[in-house]
């Protein structure tokens, strides 16, 4: 996976993701996945909590923006801990 910029091997990247090999590329992919899922969850939560008061569209926008606020630091910390534990 070190030559991802010169060799676009998608099957190698998918194999690396499935085996749990944690490097810079797979860490970034898992970080993006966590952020997208938290945005979707925040939008749904915003619609459920404040949909009638603020309007469903505005509540979904606010939930989508504030949803990743807690997930991004947690995902970064989790990836750092996993990297430290896998290297020891």
C-alpha atoms as a PDB file:
ATOM      1  CA  UNK A   1       0.000   0.000   0.000  1.00  0.00           C
ATOM      2  CA  UNK A   2       3.001   2.323   0.064  1.00  0.00           C
ATOM      3  CA  UNK A   3       2.882   2.897  -3.680  1.00  0.00           C
ATOM      4  CA  UNK A   4      -0.792   3.909  -3.924  1.00  0.00           C
ATOM      5  CA  UNK A   5       0.119   7.136  -5.726  1.00  0.00           C
ATOM      6  CA  UNK A   6       1.960   5.326  -8.525  1.00  0.00           C
ATOM      7  CA  UNK A   7       0.073   2.007  -8.644  1.00  0.00           C
ATOM      8  CA  UNK A   8      -3.696   2.305  -8.481  1.00  0.00           C
ATOM      9  CA  UNK A   9      -4.450  -1.175  -7.189  1.00  0.00           C
ATOM     10  CA  UNK A  10      -8.020  -1.039  -5.916  1.00  0.00           C
ATOM     11  CA  UNK A  11      -8.123  -4.713  -4.995  1.00  0.00           C
ATOM     12  CA  UNK A  12      -4.993  -4.288  -2.871  1.00  0.00           C
ATOM     13  CA  UNK A  13      -6.549  -1.350  -1.077  1.00  0.00           C
ATOM     14  CA  UNK A  14      -9.759  -3.297  -0.398  1.00  0.00           C
ATOM     15  CA  UNK A  15      -7.716  -6.244   0.851  1.00  0.00           C
ATOM     16  CA  UNK A  16      -5.825  -3.906   3.157  1.00  0.00           C
ATOM     17  CA  UNK A  17      -9.097  -2.512   4.506  1.00  0.00           C
ATOM     18  CA  UNK A  18     -10.553  -5.961   5.118  1.00  0.00           C
ATOM     19  CA  UNK A  19      -7.489  -7.409   6.818  1.00  0.00           C
ATOM     20  CA  UNK A  20      -7.272  -4.519   9.251  1.00  0.00           C
ATOM     21  CA  UNK A  21      -3.950  -3.206   8.015  1.00  0.00           C
ATOM     22  CA  UNK A  22      -3.812   0.319   9.431  1.00  0.00           C
ATOM     23  CA  UNK A  23      -1.698   2.710   7.393  1.00  0.00           C
ATOM     24  CA  UNK A  24      -2.126   6.312   6.331  1.00  0.00           C
ATOM     25  CA  UNK A  25      -4.507   5.571   3.454  1.00  0.00           C
ATOM     26  CA  UNK A  26      -6.759   3.164   5.325  1.00  0.00           C
ATOM     27  CA  UNK A  27      -6.818   5.487   8.328  1.00  0.00           C
ATOM     28  CA  UNK A  28      -7.951   8.347   6.107  1.00  0.00           C
ATOM     29  CA  UNK A  29     -10.628   6.182   4.487  1.00  0.00           C
ATOM     30  CA  UNK A  30     -12.008   5.080   7.871  1.00  0.00           C
ATOM     31  CA  UNK A  31     -11.912   8.708   9.049  1.00  0.00           C
ATOM     32  CA  UNK A  32     -13.970   9.819   6.033  1.00  0.00           C
ATOM     33  CA  UNK A  33     -16.431   6.958   6.536  1.00  0.00           C
ATOM     34  CA  UNK A  34     -16.869   7.883  10.217  1.00  0.00           C
ATOM     35  CA  UNK A  35     -17.429  11.536   9.323  1.00  0.00           C
ATOM     36  CA  UNK A  36     -20.044  10.754   6.656  1.00  0.00           C
ATOM     37  CA  UNK A  37     -21.922   8.364   8.937  1.00  0.00           C
ATOM     38  CA  UNK A  38     -21.910  10.929  11.749  1.00  0.00           C
ATOM     39  CA  UNK A  39     -23.263  13.590   9.394  1.00  0.00           C
ATOM     40  CA  UNK A  40     -26.111  11.311   8.365  1.00  0.00           C
ATOM     41  CA  UNK A  41     -26.832  10.418  11.989  1.00  0.00           C
ATOM     42  CA  UNK A  42     -26.692  14.059  13.036  1.00  0.00           C
ATOM     43  CA  UNK A  43     -29.130  15.044  10.303  1.00  0.00           C
ATOM     44  CA  UNK A  44     -31.573  12.334  11.332  1.00  0.00           C
ATOM     45  CA  UNK A  45     -31.202  13.273  14.992  1.00  0.00           C
ATOM     46  CA  UNK A  46     -31.746  16.935  14.227  1.00  0.00           C
ATOM     47  CA  UNK A  47     -34.899  16.138  12.315  1.00  0.00           C
ATOM     48  CA  UNK A  48     -36.223  13.997  15.151  1.00  0.00           C
ATOM     49  CA  UNK A  49     -35.380  16.460  17.908  1.00  0.00           C
ATOM     50  CA  UNK A  50     -36.167  19.844  16.402  1.00  0.00           C
ATOM     51  CA  UNK A  51     -37.915  19.146  13.123  1.00  0.00           C
ATOM     52  CA  UNK A  52     -41.267  20.617  14.035  1.00  0.00           C
ATOM     53  CA  UNK A  53     -39.876  23.690  15.806  1.00  0.00           C
ATOM     54  CA  UNK A  54     -37.215  24.746  13.292  1.00  0.00           C
ATOM     55  CA  UNK A  55     -38.409  23.030  10.149  1.00  0.00           C
ATOM     56  CA  UNK A  56     -37.143  19.685   8.978  1.00  0.00           C
ATOM     57  CA  UNK A  57     -34.672  21.008   6.398  1.00  0.00           C
ATOM     58  CA  UNK A  58     -33.012  23.497   8.750  1.00  0.00           C
ATOM     59  CA  UNK A  59     -32.876  20.973  11.590  1.00  0.00           C
ATOM     60  CA  UNK A  60     -31.253  18.419   9.261  1.00  0.00           C
ATOM     61  CA  UNK A  61     -28.665  20.966   8.121  1.00  0.00           C
ATOM     62  CA  UNK A  62     -27.777  21.919  11.687  1.00  0.00           C
ATOM     63  CA  UNK A  63     -27.662  18.288  12.780  1.00  0.00           C
ATOM     64  CA  UNK A  64     -25.436  17.404   9.834  1.00  0.00           C
ATOM     65  CA  UNK A  65     -23.048  20.209  10.745  1.00  0.00           C
ATOM     66  CA  UNK A  66     -22.932  19.575  14.483  1.00  0.00           C
ATOM     67  CA  UNK A  67     -23.046  15.763  14.293  1.00  0.00           C
ATOM     68  CA  UNK A  68     -19.356  15.293  13.437  1.00  0.00           C
ATOM     69  CA  UNK A  69     -18.251  17.634  16.250  1.00  0.00           C
ATOM     70  CA  UNK A  70     -17.951  14.734  18.677  1.00  0.00           C
ATOM     71  CA  UNK A  71     -17.082  12.015  16.190  1.00  0.00           C
ATOM     72  CA  UNK A  72     -14.061  13.598  14.513  1.00  0.00           C
ATOM     73  CA  UNK A  73     -11.889  13.858  17.672  1.00  0.00           C
ATOM     74  CA  UNK A  74     -13.014  10.402  18.771  1.00  0.00           C
ATOM     75  CA  UNK A  75     -12.185   8.864  15.392  1.00  0.00           C
ATOM     76  CA  UNK A  76      -8.754  10.481  15.332  1.00  0.00           C
ATOM     77  CA  UNK A  77      -8.006   9.350  18.888  1.00  0.00           C
ATOM     78  CA  UNK A  78      -9.263   5.833  18.130  1.00  0.00           C
ATOM     79  CA  UNK A  79      -7.088   5.535  15.015  1.00  0.00           C
ATOM     80  CA  UNK A  80      -4.048   6.743  16.969  1.00  0.00           C
ATOM     81  CA  UNK A  81      -4.668   4.188  19.735  1.00  0.00           C
ATOM     82  CA  UNK A  82      -5.184   1.390  17.193  1.00  0.00           C
ATOM     83  CA  UNK A  83      -1.957   2.338  15.450  1.00  0.00           C
ATOM     84  CA  UNK A  84      -0.040   2.359  18.738  1.00  0.00           C
ATOM     85  CA  UNK A  85      -1.470  -0.997  19.805  1.00  0.00           C
ATOM     86  CA  UNK A  86      -0.785  -2.634  16.450  1.00  0.00           C
ATOM     87  CA  UNK A  87       2.850  -1.481  16.439  1.00  0.00           C
ATOM     88  CA  UNK A  88       3.657  -2.827  19.909  1.00  0.00           C
END
